[in-house]
C-alpha atoms as a PDB file:
ATOM      1  CA  MET A   1       0.000   0.000   0.000  1.00  0.00           C
ATOM      2  CA  ASN A   2       1.261   3.440  -0.951  1.00  0.00           C
ATOM      3  CA  ALA A   3       1.861   5.341   2.305  1.00  0.00           C
ATOM      4  CA  LYS A   4       1.255   8.794   0.865  1.00  0.00           C
ATOM      5  CA  HIS A   5      -1.435  10.202   3.122  1.00  0.00           C
ATOM      6  CA  VAL A   6      -1.951  13.294   5.248  1.00  0.00           C
ATOM      7  CA  SER A   7      -4.302  13.067   8.226  1.00  0.00           C
ATOM      8  CA  VAL A   8      -6.962  15.769   8.094  1.00  0.00           C
ATOM      9  CA  LEU A   9      -7.466  18.153  11.064  1.00  0.00           C
ATOM     10  CA  LEU A  10      -4.891  16.118  12.962  1.00  0.00           C
ATOM     11  CA  ASN A  11      -3.997  18.591  15.716  1.00  0.00           C
ATOM     12  CA  GLU A  12      -7.598  19.710  16.143  1.00  0.00           C
ATOM     13  CA  CYS A  13      -8.708  16.102  16.704  1.00  0.00           C
ATOM     14  CA  ILE A  14      -5.958  15.252  19.150  1.00  0.00           C
ATOM     15  CA  ASP A  15      -6.446  18.456  21.130  1.00  0.00           C
ATOM     16  CA  ASN A  16     -10.187  17.879  21.439  1.00  0.00           C
ATOM     17  CA  LEU A  17      -9.898  14.279  22.586  1.00  0.00           C
ATOM     18  CA  ASN A  18      -8.278  15.535  25.819  1.00  0.00           C
ATOM     19  CA  THR A  19      -6.271  12.321  25.931  1.00  0.00           C
ATOM     20  CA  ASP A  20      -5.794  10.771  29.381  1.00  0.00           C
ATOM     21  CA  PRO A  21      -2.543   8.718  29.387  1.00  0.00           C
ATOM     22  CA  ALA A  22      -4.378   5.978  31.279  1.00  0.00           C
ATOM     23  CA  GLY A  23      -7.605   6.183  29.283  1.00  0.00           C
ATOM     24  CA  THR A  24      -9.192   3.958  26.665  1.00  0.00           C
ATOM     25  CA  TYR A  25      -9.746   5.353  23.165  1.00  0.00           C
ATOM     26  CA  VAL A  26     -11.131   4.260  19.808  1.00  0.00           C
ATOM     27  CA  ASP A  27      -9.960   5.209  16.338  1.00  0.00           C
ATOM     28  CA  GLY A  28     -12.883   3.799  14.397  1.00  0.00           C
ATOM     29  CA  THR A  29     -11.408   4.610  10.978  1.00  0.00           C
ATOM     30  CA  LEU A  30      -7.740   3.696  11.339  1.00  0.00           C
ATOM     31  CA  GLY A  31      -6.696   4.251   7.717  1.00  0.00           C
ATOM     32  CA  MET A  32      -2.955   4.859   7.516  1.00  0.00           C
ATOM     33  CA  GLY A  33      -2.701   5.401  11.268  1.00  0.00           C
ATOM     34  CA  GLY A  34      -1.923   9.118  11.392  1.00  0.00           C
ATOM     35  CA  HIS A  35      -4.494   9.976  14.052  1.00  0.00           C
ATOM     36  CA  SER A  36      -3.815   6.748  15.951  1.00  0.00           C
ATOM     37  CA  GLU A  37      -0.089   7.469  16.101  1.00  0.00           C
ATOM     38  CA  LYS A  38      -0.691  10.798  17.851  1.00  0.00           C
ATOM     39  CA  ILE A  39      -3.167   9.255  20.301  1.00  0.00           C
ATOM     40  CA  ALA A  40      -0.840   6.341  21.085  1.00  0.00           C
ATOM     41  CA  GLU A  41       2.042   8.716  21.753  1.00  0.00           C
ATOM     42  CA  LYS A  42       0.033  10.250  24.598  1.00  0.00           C
ATOM     43  CA  LEU A  43      -0.865   6.946  26.251  1.00  0.00           C
ATOM     44  CA  THR A  44       1.138   5.244  28.985  1.00  0.00           C
ATOM     45  CA  THR A  45      -1.028   2.614  30.662  1.00  0.00           C
ATOM     46  CA  GLY A  46      -3.987   3.418  28.416  1.00  0.00           C
ATOM     47  CA  ARG A  47      -5.398   1.454  25.501  1.00  0.00           C
ATOM     48  CA  LEU A  48      -6.262   2.309  21.900  1.00  0.00           C
ATOM     49  CA  ILE A  49      -8.693   0.243  19.816  1.00  0.00           C
ATOM     50  CA  CYS A  50      -7.973   0.693  16.097  1.00  0.00           C
ATOM     51  CA  ILE A  51     -10.766  -0.366  13.729  1.00  0.00           C
ATOM     52  CA  ASP A  52     -10.820  -0.474   9.937  1.00  0.00           C
ATOM     53  CA  ARG A  53     -12.811  -2.406   7.338  1.00  0.00           C
ATOM     54  CA  ASP A  54      -9.818  -2.411   4.957  1.00  0.00           C
ATOM     55  CA  ALA A  55      -7.486  -5.292   5.881  1.00  0.00           C
ATOM     56  CA  SER A  56      -4.579  -3.799   3.910  1.00  0.00           C
ATOM     57  CA  ALA A  57      -4.861  -0.569   5.904  1.00  0.00           C
ATOM     58  CA  ILE A  58      -4.600  -2.533   9.143  1.00  0.00           C
ATOM     59  CA  ASP A  59      -1.509  -4.358   7.852  1.00  0.00           C
ATOM     60  CA  TYR A  60       0.176  -1.084   6.990  1.00  0.00           C
ATOM     61  CA  ALA A  61      -0.800   0.674  10.223  1.00  0.00           C
ATOM     62  CA  ARG A  62       0.284  -2.310  12.330  1.00  0.00           C
ATOM     63  CA  GLU A  63       3.800  -1.890  10.973  1.00  0.00           C
ATOM     64  CA  ARG A  64       3.742   1.898  11.297  1.00  0.00           C
ATOM     65  CA  LEU A  65       2.550   1.733  14.904  1.00  0.00           C
ATOM     66  CA  LYS A  66       4.677  -1.225  16.067  1.00  0.00           C
ATOM     67  CA  LEU A  67       6.439   0.955  18.669  1.00  0.00           C
ATOM     68  CA  PHE A  68       3.076   1.240  20.427  1.00  0.00           C
ATOM     69  CA  SER A  69       1.975  -2.384  20.038  1.00  0.00           C
ATOM     70  CA  ASP A  70       1.744  -2.807  23.811  1.00  0.00           C
ATOM     71  CA  ARG A  71      -1.159  -0.349  23.967  1.00  0.00           C
ATOM     72  CA  ILE A  72      -3.007  -0.965  20.664  1.00  0.00           C
ATOM     73  CA  THR A  73      -5.600  -3.556  19.675  1.00  0.00           C
ATOM     74  CA  PHE A  74      -6.292  -3.845  15.924  1.00  0.00           C
ATOM     75  CA  VAL A  75      -9.714  -4.987  14.739  1.00  0.00           C
ATOM     76  CA  HIS A  76     -10.851  -5.687  11.177  1.00  0.00           C
ATOM     77  CA  ALA A  77     -14.434  -4.428  11.215  1.00  0.00           C
ATOM     78  CA  ASN A  78     -16.789  -1.751   9.941  1.00  0.00           C
ATOM     79  CA  PHE A  79     -16.798   1.400  12.098  1.00  0.00           C
ATOM     80  CA  ALA A  80     -20.592   1.065  12.186  1.00  0.00           C
ATOM     81  CA  ASP A  81     -20.058  -1.957  14.440  1.00  0.00           C
ATOM     82  CA  THR A  82     -17.898  -0.152  16.993  1.00  0.00           C
ATOM     83  CA  VAL A  83     -20.257  -0.922  19.873  1.00  0.00           C
ATOM     84  CA  GLU A  84     -20.238  -4.628  19.008  1.00  0.00           C
ATOM     85  CA  VAL A  85     -16.428  -4.584  18.774  1.00  0.00           C
ATOM     86  CA  LEU A  86     -16.126  -3.024  22.222  1.00  0.00           C
ATOM     87  CA  ASP A  87     -18.613  -5.496  23.666  1.00  0.00           C
ATOM     88  CA  GLU A  88     -16.609  -8.421  22.266  1.00  0.00           C
ATOM     89  CA  LEU A  89     -13.460  -6.972  23.834  1.00  0.00           C
ATOM     90  CA  GLY A  90     -15.239  -6.623  27.198  1.00  0.00           C
ATOM     91  CA  ILE A  91     -14.887  -2.814  27.201  1.00  0.00           C
ATOM     92  CA  GLU A  92     -17.826  -1.143  28.918  1.00  0.00           C
ATOM     93  CA  GLY A  93     -16.814   2.472  28.342  1.00  0.00           C
ATOM     94  CA  VAL A  94     -14.142   4.596  26.679  1.00  0.00           C
ATOM     95  CA  ASN A  95     -12.710   8.068  27.203  1.00  0.00           C
ATOM     96  CA  GLY A  96     -12.820   9.159  23.606  1.00  0.00           C
ATOM     97  CA  MET A  97     -13.615   8.140  20.037  1.00  0.00           C
ATOM     98  CA  LEU A  98     -12.468   9.451  16.681  1.00  0.00           C
ATOM     99  CA  PHE A  99     -14.025   8.780  13.278  1.00  0.00           C
ATOM    100  CA  ASP A 100     -12.564  10.166  10.047  1.00  0.00           C
ATOM    101  CA  LEU A 101     -15.201   9.406   7.407  1.00  0.00           C
ATOM    102  CA  GLY A 102     -13.042  10.223   4.402  1.00  0.00           C
ATOM    103  CA  VAL A 103     -11.528   7.757   1.959  1.00  0.00           C
ATOM    104  CA  SER A 104      -7.793   7.534   2.569  1.00  0.00           C
ATOM    105  CA  SER A 105      -5.438   8.825  -0.106  1.00  0.00           C
ATOM    106  CA  PRO A 106      -3.879   5.394  -0.817  1.00  0.00           C
ATOM    107  CA  GLN A 107      -7.325   3.925  -1.472  1.00  0.00           C
ATOM    108  CA  LEU A 108      -8.009   6.720  -3.951  1.00  0.00           C
ATOM    109  CA  ASP A 109      -4.572   6.519  -5.515  1.00  0.00           C
ATOM    110  CA  GLU A 110      -4.144   2.737  -5.817  1.00  0.00           C
ATOM    111  CA  THR A 111      -5.306   1.998  -9.339  1.00  0.00           C
ATOM    112  CA  GLU A 112      -6.520  -1.536  -8.696  1.00  0.00           C
ATOM    113  CA  ARG A 113      -9.029  -0.395  -6.048  1.00  0.00           C
ATOM    114  CA  GLY A 114     -11.147   1.257  -8.738  1.00  0.00           C
ATOM    115  CA  PHE A 115     -11.889   4.465  -6.825  1.00  0.00           C
ATOM    116  CA  SER A 116     -10.222   6.826  -9.271  1.00  0.00           C
ATOM    117  CA  TYR A 117     -11.845   8.310 -12.372  1.00  0.00           C
ATOM    118  CA  MET A 118      -8.378   9.290 -13.626  1.00  0.00           C
ATOM    119  CA  LYS A 119      -6.820   5.806 -13.881  1.00  0.00           C
ATOM    120  CA  ASP A 120      -8.074   2.681 -15.608  1.00  0.00           C
ATOM    121  CA  ALA A 121      -9.029  -0.233 -13.376  1.00  0.00           C
ATOM    122  CA  PRO A 122     -11.817  -2.754 -12.855  1.00  0.00           C
ATOM    123  CA  LEU A 123     -14.970  -1.214 -11.366  1.00  0.00           C
ATOM    124  CA  ASP A 124     -14.611  -2.163  -7.708  1.00  0.00           C
ATOM    125  CA  MET A 125     -14.644   0.648  -5.076  1.00  0.00           C
ATOM    126  CA  ARG A 126     -14.994  -1.688  -2.079  1.00  0.00           C
ATOM    127  CA  MET A 127     -13.436  -0.517   1.180  1.00  0.00           C
ATOM    128  CA  ASP A 128     -13.520  -4.120   2.363  1.00  0.00           C
ATOM    129  CA  ARG A 129     -12.570  -6.358  -0.537  1.00  0.00           C
ATOM    130  CA  SER A 130     -14.062  -9.397   1.215  1.00  0.00           C
ATOM    131  CA  GLU A 131     -17.552  -7.954   0.760  1.00  0.00           C
ATOM    132  CA  GLY A 132     -19.671  -8.780  -2.274  1.00  0.00           C
ATOM    133  CA  LEU A 133     -21.226  -5.680  -3.876  1.00  0.00           C
ATOM    134  CA  THR A 134     -18.965  -3.811  -6.306  1.00  0.00           C
ATOM    135  CA  ALA A 135     -19.261  -0.737  -8.491  1.00  0.00           C
ATOM    136  CA  TYR A 136     -19.523  -3.108 -11.471  1.00  0.00           C
ATOM    137  CA  ASP A 137     -22.684  -4.619  -9.965  1.00  0.00           C
ATOM    138  CA  ILE A 138     -24.279  -1.204  -9.406  1.00  0.00           C
ATOM    139  CA  VAL A 139     -23.396   0.214 -12.813  1.00  0.00           C
ATOM    140  CA  ASN A 140     -24.460  -2.882 -14.730  1.00  0.00           C
ATOM    141  CA  THR A 141     -27.422  -4.280 -12.804  1.00  0.00           C
ATOM    142  CA  TRP A 142     -29.227  -1.554 -10.867  1.00  0.00           C
ATOM    143  CA  SER A 143     -32.397  -0.116 -12.373  1.00  0.00           C
ATOM    144  CA  GLU A 144     -32.429   3.264 -14.082  1.00  0.00           C
ATOM    145  CA  ASP A 145     -34.459   4.840 -11.274  1.00  0.00           C
ATOM    146  CA  ARG A 146     -32.169   3.445  -8.587  1.00  0.00           C
ATOM    147  CA  LEU A 147     -29.041   4.616 -10.397  1.00  0.00           C
ATOM    148  CA  ASN A 148     -30.503   8.054 -10.937  1.00  0.00           C
ATOM    149  CA  ARG A 149     -31.445   8.328  -7.275  1.00  0.00           C
ATOM    150  CA  ILE A 150     -27.942   7.620  -5.949  1.00  0.00           C
ATOM    151  CA  LEU A 151     -26.305  10.003  -8.433  1.00  0.00           C
ATOM    152  CA  TRP A 152     -28.769  12.726  -7.446  1.00  0.00           C
ATOM    153  CA  ASP A 153     -28.836  12.068  -3.693  1.00  0.00           C
ATOM    154  CA  TYR A 154     -25.306  10.895  -2.924  1.00  0.00           C
ATOM    155  CA  GLY A 155     -23.433  12.797  -5.633  1.00  0.00           C
ATOM    156  CA  GLU A 156     -25.680  15.855  -5.774  1.00  0.00           C
ATOM    157  CA  GLU A 157     -25.211  15.539  -9.527  1.00  0.00           C
ATOM    158  CA  LYS A 158     -27.611  17.855 -11.392  1.00  0.00           C
ATOM    159  CA  TYR A 159     -27.088  15.914 -14.626  1.00  0.00           C
ATOM    160  CA  ALA A 160     -27.947  12.609 -12.952  1.00  0.00           C
ATOM    161  CA  ARG A 161     -30.760  11.698 -15.339  1.00  0.00           C
ATOM    162  CA  ARG A 162     -28.632  12.313 -18.444  1.00  0.00           C
ATOM    163  CA  ILE A 163     -25.725  10.310 -17.020  1.00  0.00           C
ATOM    164  CA  THR A 164     -27.982   7.446 -15.965  1.00  0.00           C
ATOM    165  CA  ARG A 165     -29.545   7.234 -19.419  1.00  0.00           C
ATOM    166  CA  ALA A 166     -26.057   7.143 -21.019  1.00  0.00           C
ATOM    167  CA  ILE A 167     -25.016   4.305 -18.684  1.00  0.00           C
ATOM    168  CA  ILE A 168     -28.155   2.312 -19.485  1.00  0.00           C
ATOM    169  CA  ASN A 169     -27.643   2.775 -23.236  1.00  0.00           C
ATOM    170  CA  LYS A 170     -24.024   1.600 -23.065  1.00  0.00           C
ATOM    171  CA  ARG A 171     -24.636  -1.405 -20.833  1.00  0.00           C
ATOM    172  CA  GLU A 172     -27.454  -2.642 -23.089  1.00  0.00           C
ATOM    173  CA  LYS A 173     -24.776  -3.240 -25.735  1.00  0.00           C
ATOM    174  CA  LYS A 174     -22.062  -4.615 -23.453  1.00  0.00           C
ATOM    175  CA  PRO A 175     -21.164  -4.524 -19.738  1.00  0.00           C
ATOM    176  CA  ILE A 176     -19.275  -1.477 -18.481  1.00  0.00           C
ATOM    177  CA  GLU A 177     -16.107  -2.940 -17.002  1.00  0.00           C
ATOM    178  CA  SER A 178     -13.546  -0.249 -16.191  1.00  0.00           C
ATOM    179  CA  THR A 179     -13.266   3.074 -14.416  1.00  0.00           C
ATOM    180  CA  LEU A 180     -12.095   5.017 -17.469  1.00  0.00           C
ATOM    181  CA  GLU A 181     -14.884   3.511 -19.554  1.00  0.00           C
ATOM    182  CA  LEU A 182     -17.413   4.727 -16.984  1.00  0.00           C
ATOM    183  CA  SER A 183     -15.681   8.107 -16.692  1.00  0.00           C
ATOM    184  CA  ASN A 184     -15.878   8.613 -20.468  1.00  0.00           C
ATOM    185  CA  ILE A 185     -19.563   7.666 -20.523  1.00  0.00           C
ATOM    186  CA  ILE A 186     -20.258  10.243 -17.813  1.00  0.00           C
ATOM    187  CA  LYS A 187     -18.352  12.938 -19.699  1.00  0.00           C
ATOM    188  CA  SER A 188     -20.161  12.135 -22.933  1.00  0.00           C
ATOM    189  CA  ALA A 189     -23.529  12.696 -21.232  1.00  0.00           C
ATOM    190  CA  MET A 190     -22.740  16.126 -19.821  1.00  0.00           C
ATOM    191  CA  PRO A 191     -23.253  19.484 -21.574  1.00  0.00           C
ATOM    192  CA  SER A 192     -20.213  21.452 -22.701  1.00  0.00           C
ATOM    193  CA  GLN A 193     -20.487  24.019 -19.901  1.00  0.00           C
ATOM    194  CA  ALA A 194     -20.283  21.263 -17.279  1.00  0.00           C
ATOM    195  CA  LEU A 195     -17.084  19.955 -18.854  1.00  0.00           C
ATOM    196  CA  ARG A 196     -15.478  23.359 -18.272  1.00  0.00           C
ATOM    197  CA  GLU A 197     -15.971  23.202 -14.489  1.00  0.00           C
ATOM    198  CA  LYS A 198     -12.866  23.154 -12.327  1.00  0.00           C
ATOM    199  CA  GLN A 199     -13.544  19.703 -10.888  1.00  0.00           C
ATOM    200  CA  HIS A 200     -13.521  16.527 -12.980  1.00  0.00           C
ATOM    201  CA  PRO A 201     -16.953  15.843 -14.513  1.00  0.00           C
ATOM    202  CA  ALA A 202     -17.017  12.284 -13.142  1.00  0.00           C
ATOM    203  CA  LYS A 203     -16.143  13.216  -9.555  1.00  0.00           C
ATOM    204  CA  ARG A 204     -19.696  13.471  -8.211  1.00  0.00           C
ATOM    205  CA  SER A 205     -20.885  10.296  -9.912  1.00  0.00           C
ATOM    206  CA  PHE A 206     -17.910   8.252  -8.697  1.00  0.00           C
ATOM    207  CA  GLN A 207     -18.477   9.580  -5.180  1.00  0.00           C
ATOM    208  CA  ALA A 208     -22.131   8.522  -5.330  1.00  0.00           C
ATOM    209  CA  ILE A 209     -21.325   5.008  -6.529  1.00  0.00           C
ATOM    210  CA  ARG A 210     -18.618   4.589  -3.878  1.00  0.00           C
ATOM    211  CA  ILE A 211     -21.051   5.637  -1.147  1.00  0.00           C
ATOM    212  CA  ALA A 212     -23.601   3.120  -2.412  1.00  0.00           C
ATOM    213  CA  VAL A 213     -21.078   0.267  -2.727  1.00  0.00           C
ATOM    214  CA  ASN A 214     -19.957   0.667   0.866  1.00  0.00           C
ATOM    215  CA  ASP A 215     -23.314   1.740   2.365  1.00  0.00           C
ATOM    216  CA  GLU A 216     -21.409   4.654   3.856  1.00  0.00           C
ATOM    217  CA  LEU A 217     -24.425   6.672   4.948  1.00  0.00           C
ATOM    218  CA  GLY A 218     -25.992   3.681   6.672  1.00  0.00           C
ATOM    219  CA  ALA A 219     -22.726   3.059   8.496  1.00  0.00           C
ATOM    220  CA  VAL A 220     -22.470   6.703   9.567  1.00  0.00           C
ATOM    221  CA  ALA A 221     -26.054   6.702  10.848  1.00  0.00           C
ATOM    222  CA  LYS A 222     -25.577   3.536  12.899  1.00  0.00           C
ATOM    223  CA  MET A 223     -22.273   4.760  14.326  1.00  0.00           C
ATOM    224  CA  ALA A 224     -23.574   8.220  15.241  1.00  0.00           C
ATOM    225  CA  GLU A 225     -26.649   6.788  16.945  1.00  0.00           C
ATOM    226  CA  THR A 226     -24.934   4.045  18.939  1.00  0.00           C
ATOM    227  CA  VAL A 227     -21.391   4.995  19.961  1.00  0.00           C
ATOM    228  CA  PRO A 228     -22.288   7.774  22.448  1.00  0.00           C
ATOM    229  CA  ASP A 229     -23.584   5.077  24.817  1.00  0.00           C
ATOM    230  CA  LYS A 230     -20.035   3.737  25.092  1.00  0.00           C
ATOM    231  CA  LEU A 231     -18.551   7.090  26.141  1.00  0.00           C
ATOM    232  CA  LEU A 232     -17.738   7.591  29.801  1.00  0.00           C
ATOM    233  CA  PRO A 233     -18.879  10.866  31.431  1.00  0.00           C
ATOM    234  CA  GLY A 234     -16.646  13.633  30.099  1.00  0.00           C
ATOM    235  CA  GLY A 235     -15.572  11.464  27.181  1.00  0.00           C
ATOM    236  CA  ARG A 236     -15.211  13.136  23.789  1.00  0.00           C
ATOM    237  CA  LEU A 237     -16.572  12.128  20.377  1.00  0.00           C
ATOM    238  CA  CYS A 238     -14.773  13.587  17.332  1.00  0.00           C
ATOM    239  CA  ILE A 239     -16.211  12.975  13.859  1.00  0.00           C
ATOM    240  CA  ILE A 240     -14.742  14.309  10.612  1.00  0.00           C
ATOM    241  CA  SER A 241     -17.075  14.298   7.619  1.00  0.00           C
ATOM    242  CA  PHE A 242     -16.423  15.277   4.007  1.00  0.00           C
ATOM    243  CA  HIS A 243     -19.913  15.200   2.542  1.00  0.00           C
ATOM    244  CA  SER A 244     -22.964  17.283   3.386  1.00  0.00           C
ATOM    245  CA  LEU A 245     -25.148  14.188   3.825  1.00  0.00           C
ATOM    246  CA  GLU A 246     -22.692  12.653   6.299  1.00  0.00           C
ATOM    247  CA  ASP A 247     -22.400  15.890   8.242  1.00  0.00           C
ATOM    248  CA  ARG A 248     -26.179  16.223   8.386  1.00  0.00           C
ATOM    249  CA  ILE A 249     -26.496  12.730   9.877  1.00  0.00           C
ATOM    250  CA  VAL A 250     -23.805  13.438  12.476  1.00  0.00           C
ATOM    251  CA  LYS A 251     -25.240  16.839  13.368  1.00  0.00           C
ATOM    252  CA  SER A 252     -28.751  15.423  13.778  1.00  0.00           C
ATOM    253  CA  ALA A 253     -27.593  12.491  15.909  1.00  0.00           C
ATOM    254  CA  ILE A 254     -25.698  14.801  18.268  1.00  0.00           C
ATOM    255  CA  ALA A 255     -28.629  17.215  18.433  1.00  0.00           C
ATOM    256  CA  ALA A 256     -31.049  14.417  19.320  1.00  0.00           C
ATOM    257  CA  ARG A 257     -28.954  13.422  22.332  1.00  0.00           C
ATOM    258  CA  GLU A 258     -28.273  17.030  23.203  1.00  0.00           C
ATOM    259  CA  ASN A 259     -31.935  17.972  23.341  1.00  0.00           C
ATOM    260  CA  GLY A 260     -32.983  15.114  25.608  1.00  0.00           C
ATOM    261  CA  CYS A 261     -36.706  14.608  26.128  1.00  0.00           C
ATOM    262  CA  THR A 262     -38.703  14.115  22.931  1.00  0.00           C
ATOM    263  CA  CYS A 263     -42.162  14.330  24.512  1.00  0.00           C
ATOM    264  CA  PRO A 264     -44.603  16.966  23.164  1.00  0.00           C
ATOM    265  CA  ARG A 265     -44.321  20.335  24.889  1.00  0.00           C
ATOM    266  CA  GLU A 266     -47.855  20.008  26.226  1.00  0.00           C
ATOM    267  CA  ALA A 267     -47.159  16.662  27.937  1.00  0.00           C
ATOM    268  CA  PRO A 268     -47.496  17.074  31.740  1.00  0.00           C
ATOM    269  CA  ILE A 269     -44.690  14.594  32.464  1.00  0.00           C
ATOM    270  CA  CYS A 270     -41.919  12.919  30.509  1.00  0.00           C
ATOM    271  CA  THR A 271     -42.869   9.498  29.240  1.00  0.00           C
ATOM    272  CA  CYS A 272     -40.184   8.959  26.610  1.00  0.00           C
ATOM    273  CA  GLY A 273     -37.427   8.391  29.170  1.00  0.00           C
ATOM    274  CA  PHE A 274     -34.890   9.952  26.809  1.00  0.00           C
ATOM    275  CA  VAL A 275     -32.353  12.023  28.717  1.00  0.00           C
ATOM    276  CA  LYS A 276     -29.674  14.394  27.498  1.00  0.00           C
ATOM    277  CA  THR A 277     -26.463  12.422  26.989  1.00  0.00           C
ATOM    278  CA  LEU A 278     -24.307  14.665  24.796  1.00  0.00           C
ATOM    279  CA  LYS A 279     -23.407  18.306  24.477  1.00  0.00           C
ATOM    280  CA  SER A 280     -21.707  19.977  21.535  1.00  0.00           C
ATOM    281  CA  VAL A 281     -18.335  21.400  22.479  1.00  0.00           C
ATOM    282  CA  TYR A 282     -18.598  24.011  19.718  1.00  0.00           C
ATOM    283  CA  ARG A 283     -21.670  25.595  18.152  1.00  0.00           C
ATOM    284  CA  LYS A 284     -20.250  25.160  14.657  1.00  0.00           C
ATOM    285  CA  PRO A 285     -17.946  22.520  13.143  1.00  0.00           C
ATOM    286  CA  ILE A 286     -14.194  23.054  13.075  1.00  0.00           C
ATOM    287  CA  LEU A 287     -12.914  23.645   9.549  1.00  0.00           C
ATOM    288  CA  PRO A 288      -9.392  23.185   8.159  1.00  0.00           C
ATOM    289  CA  SER A 289      -7.198  26.252   7.994  1.00  0.00           C
ATOM    290  CA  GLU A 290      -6.225  27.828   4.698  1.00  0.00           C
ATOM    291  CA  GLU A 291      -2.700  26.566   5.301  1.00  0.00           C
ATOM    292  CA  GLU A 292      -3.914  22.979   5.684  1.00  0.00           C
ATOM    293  CA  ILE A 293      -6.043  23.215   2.558  1.00  0.00           C
ATOM    294  CA  GLU A 294      -3.066  24.560   0.618  1.00  0.00           C
ATOM    295  CA  ASN A 295      -0.885  21.681   1.823  1.00  0.00           C
ATOM    296  CA  ASN A 296      -3.636  19.061   1.463  1.00  0.00           C
ATOM    297  CA  PRO A 297      -6.414  20.025  -1.002  1.00  0.00           C
ATOM    298  CA  ARG A 298      -8.415  16.925  -0.022  1.00  0.00           C
ATOM    299  CA  ALA A 299      -9.064  18.594   3.346  1.00  0.00           C
ATOM    300  CA  ARG A 300     -11.115  21.358   1.719  1.00  0.00           C
ATOM    301  CA  SER A 301     -14.550  19.887   2.458  1.00  0.00           C
ATOM    302  CA  ALA A 302     -13.706  18.480   5.902  1.00  0.00           C
ATOM    303  CA  LYS A 303     -15.825  19.338   8.963  1.00  0.00           C
ATOM    304  CA  LEU A 304     -15.008  18.238  12.491  1.00  0.00           C
ATOM    305  CA  ARG A 305     -17.824  18.012  15.042  1.00  0.00           C
ATOM    306  CA  VAL A 306     -16.968  17.480  18.689  1.00  0.00           C
ATOM    307  CA  ALA A 307     -19.378  16.353  21.401  1.00  0.00           C
ATOM    308  CA  GLU A 308     -18.919  15.437  25.053  1.00  0.00           C
ATOM    309  CA  ARG A 309     -20.744  12.852  27.140  1.00  0.00           C
ATOM    310  CA  VAL A 310     -22.653  14.412  30.049  1.00  0.00           C
END
């Protein structure tokens, strides 16, 4: 695995975790281990649980973090299943959790993974290559309406219908097999003014298909709804998102726990039993600095939300 990767909002995450050297922490999206390395450096008798659904990322990070092997447990799993992972490890509560929802640079850059619209590769896009659904399956077997919906919803692609129709027309003649083939089909469906935009014309569509392949929004929703119960009082939850839909899910999940009781205002007593369990540390998300964006353009859309268990 190519190790070229820069951790987004690294210092902001580490500062907001308020790391206790004897505490227990979770990096639910290990990736190349940049965030985990900084957390592990602060631990003495503490413990760090590193989770990732990409087995090759775990292999790389295990080597990178070998100096801290006495305080790290690596787990191959989906971050959506963090609560189940902690239960299996017999961990009742943790002092902090970090989730970076972005795709790591090596995954984007490694041609054979099929994430890139700039390099030719089989249509794959799986974070966990042991799972079944691939981009090939979506592009070649999903209905026109279903394809259009993910391009519109997940990619926020205003030319979704035109692109979907072009895909259907091509696949009726022969299966669409490679990333560049798909990228060229997308470009062919777009009007000339769209092709003059700064970003690549296939970027939004590839993002949408990747999200669908990996059920990323479902994973984010499950994680955001469940992991706060594993935080100890005063524990911090840090979540970095790169997509407006992800950020909306995270924001709503925090707000629901921050607001507490969901009973109607006119109810004489609380019957829902839902109590306030989180509070936002900041009113607005933390954004990358201009310097960080200049050094790492992929950080441009990042938003960090921080909440604390009460």
